Amino acid sequence: MKTKNYLMLCAAVAIATSMSILFVPGLSDSVETSMLSWLGNNARAERPY
């Protein structure tokens, strides 16, 4: 895949995600819940520094 096509695909996915979060009721809550879960799991350090 060429760089231009890849950037256009990324932009389209970002815009589609943003619009669906804004205009689909309940989707923003589920996205927020999944992001908080993912961040909570990744915040725990396996090896403290």
N, C-alpha and C. Protein backbone atom coordinates (compact mmCIF):
# COMPACT_ATOMS: atom_id res chain seq x y z
N MET A 1 0.85 -1.17 0.00
CA MET A 1 0.00 0.00 0.00
C MET A 1 0.90 1.24 0.00
N LYS A 2 0.58 2.17 -0.87
CA LYS A 2 1.39 3.37 -0.96
C LYS A 2 1.07 4.32 0.19
N THR A 3 2.00 5.20 0.48
CA THR A 3 1.87 6.10 1.62
C THR A 3 0.64 7.00 1.51
N LYS A 4 0.38 7.51 0.32
CA LYS A 4 -0.78 8.38 0.12
C LYS A 4 -2.08 7.64 0.41
N ASN A 5 -2.19 6.42 -0.09
CA ASN A 5 -3.40 5.62 0.16
C ASN A 5 -3.53 5.28 1.64
N TYR A 6 -2.42 4.99 2.29
CA TYR A 6 -2.44 4.67 3.71
C TYR A 6 -2.91 5.87 4.54
N LEU A 7 -2.40 7.04 4.22
CA LEU A 7 -2.80 8.25 4.94
C LEU A 7 -4.27 8.57 4.71
N MET A 8 -4.76 8.36 3.50
CA MET A 8 -6.18 8.59 3.22
C MET A 8 -7.05 7.59 3.98
N LEU A 9 -6.61 6.35 4.07
CA LEU A 9 -7.34 5.34 4.83
C LEU A 9 -7.37 5.68 6.31
N CYS A 10 -6.24 6.11 6.86
CA CYS A 10 -6.19 6.49 8.28
C CYS A 10 -7.09 7.68 8.56
N ALA A 11 -7.09 8.66 7.66
CA ALA A 11 -7.96 9.82 7.84
C ALA A 11 -9.43 9.43 7.77
N ALA A 12 -9.77 8.57 6.84
CA ALA A 12 -11.17 8.13 6.71
C ALA A 12 -11.62 7.36 7.95
N VAL A 13 -10.76 6.51 8.48
CA VAL A 13 -11.11 5.76 9.69
C VAL A 13 -11.25 6.69 10.88
N ALA A 14 -10.37 7.66 10.99
CA ALA A 14 -10.43 8.62 12.09
C ALA A 14 -11.71 9.46 12.02
N ILE A 15 -12.06 9.92 10.83
CA ILE A 15 -13.28 10.72 10.67
C ILE A 15 -14.52 9.88 10.93
N ALA A 16 -14.54 8.65 10.42
CA ALA A 16 -15.70 7.78 10.64
C ALA A 16 -15.87 7.46 12.12
N THR A 17 -14.77 7.22 12.82
CA THR A 17 -14.84 6.94 14.25
C THR A 17 -15.34 8.15 15.02
N SER A 18 -14.81 9.32 14.70
CA SER A 18 -15.22 10.54 15.38
C SER A 18 -16.70 10.83 15.16
N MET A 19 -17.16 10.70 13.93
CA MET A 19 -18.57 10.99 13.62
C MET A 19 -19.49 9.98 14.29
N SER A 20 -19.08 8.71 14.32
CA SER A 20 -19.94 7.71 14.96
C SER A 20 -20.00 7.92 16.46
N ILE A 21 -18.90 8.35 17.08
CA ILE A 21 -18.92 8.63 18.51
C ILE A 21 -19.83 9.83 18.80
N LEU A 22 -19.81 10.83 17.92
CA LEU A 22 -20.62 12.02 18.13
C LEU A 22 -22.12 11.75 17.94
N PHE A 23 -22.47 10.96 16.94
CA PHE A 23 -23.87 10.87 16.53
C PHE A 23 -24.57 9.56 16.87
N VAL A 24 -23.88 8.53 17.32
CA VAL A 24 -24.52 7.28 17.69
C VAL A 24 -24.63 7.22 19.20
N PRO A 25 -25.87 7.21 19.72
CA PRO A 25 -26.03 7.21 21.18
C PRO A 25 -25.53 5.90 21.80
N GLY A 26 -24.84 6.03 22.89
CA GLY A 26 -24.33 4.86 23.60
C GLY A 26 -22.97 4.39 23.15
N LEU A 27 -22.59 4.73 21.94
CA LEU A 27 -21.29 4.28 21.43
C LEU A 27 -20.15 4.96 22.16
N SER A 28 -20.32 6.23 22.49
CA SER A 28 -19.25 6.94 23.19
C SER A 28 -18.98 6.33 24.56
N ASP A 29 -20.04 5.86 25.23
CA ASP A 29 -19.85 5.21 26.53
C ASP A 29 -19.07 3.91 26.39
N SER A 30 -19.40 3.12 25.38
CA SER A 30 -18.69 1.86 25.21
C SER A 30 -17.25 2.08 24.78
N VAL A 31 -17.01 3.09 23.95
CA VAL A 31 -15.63 3.40 23.54
C VAL A 31 -14.83 3.88 24.75
N GLU A 32 -15.45 4.74 25.56
CA GLU A 32 -14.77 5.23 26.76
C GLU A 32 -14.46 4.10 27.72
N THR A 33 -15.41 3.20 27.91
CA THR A 33 -15.20 2.06 28.81
C THR A 33 -14.07 1.17 28.33
N SER A 34 -14.05 0.89 27.03
CA SER A 34 -12.98 0.03 26.51
C SER A 34 -11.62 0.72 26.57
N MET A 35 -11.58 2.03 26.31
CA MET A 35 -10.31 2.75 26.40
C MET A 35 -9.79 2.80 27.84
N LEU A 36 -10.69 3.04 28.79
CA LEU A 36 -10.27 3.07 30.19
C LEU A 36 -9.79 1.70 30.65
N SER A 37 -10.45 0.66 30.20
CA SER A 37 -10.02 -0.70 30.53
C SER A 37 -8.64 -0.99 29.95
N TRP A 38 -8.43 -0.62 28.70
CA TRP A 38 -7.14 -0.84 28.05
C TRP A 38 -6.04 -0.03 28.74
N LEU A 39 -6.33 1.23 29.05
CA LEU A 39 -5.33 2.05 29.73
C LEU A 39 -5.05 1.53 31.13
N GLY A 40 -6.08 1.06 31.83
CA GLY A 40 -5.88 0.52 33.17
C GLY A 40 -5.01 -0.72 33.16
N ASN A 41 -5.20 -1.56 32.16
CA ASN A 41 -4.38 -2.77 32.05
C ASN A 41 -2.94 -2.44 31.69
N ASN A 42 -2.74 -1.45 30.84
CA ASN A 42 -1.39 -1.11 30.42
C ASN A 42 -0.66 -0.21 31.40
N ALA A 43 -1.38 0.39 32.32
CA ALA A 43 -0.74 1.28 33.30
C ALA A 43 0.00 0.48 34.36
N ARG A 44 -0.42 -0.74 34.58
CA ARG A 44 0.26 -1.57 35.57
C ARG A 44 1.59 -2.05 35.00
N ALA A 45 2.64 -1.67 35.63
CA ALA A 45 3.98 -2.02 35.13
C ALA A 45 4.31 -3.45 35.54
N GLU A 46 4.80 -4.21 34.57
CA GLU A 46 5.22 -5.58 34.87
C GLU A 46 6.56 -5.57 35.61
N ARG A 47 7.43 -4.65 35.20
CA ARG A 47 8.73 -4.51 35.85
C ARG A 47 8.87 -3.07 36.32
N PRO A 48 8.71 -2.82 37.60
CA PRO A 48 8.88 -1.43 38.06
C PRO A 48 10.31 -0.96 37.87
N TYR A 49 10.47 0.27 37.49
CA TYR A 49 11.80 0.83 37.21
C TYR A 49 12.31 1.60 38.39
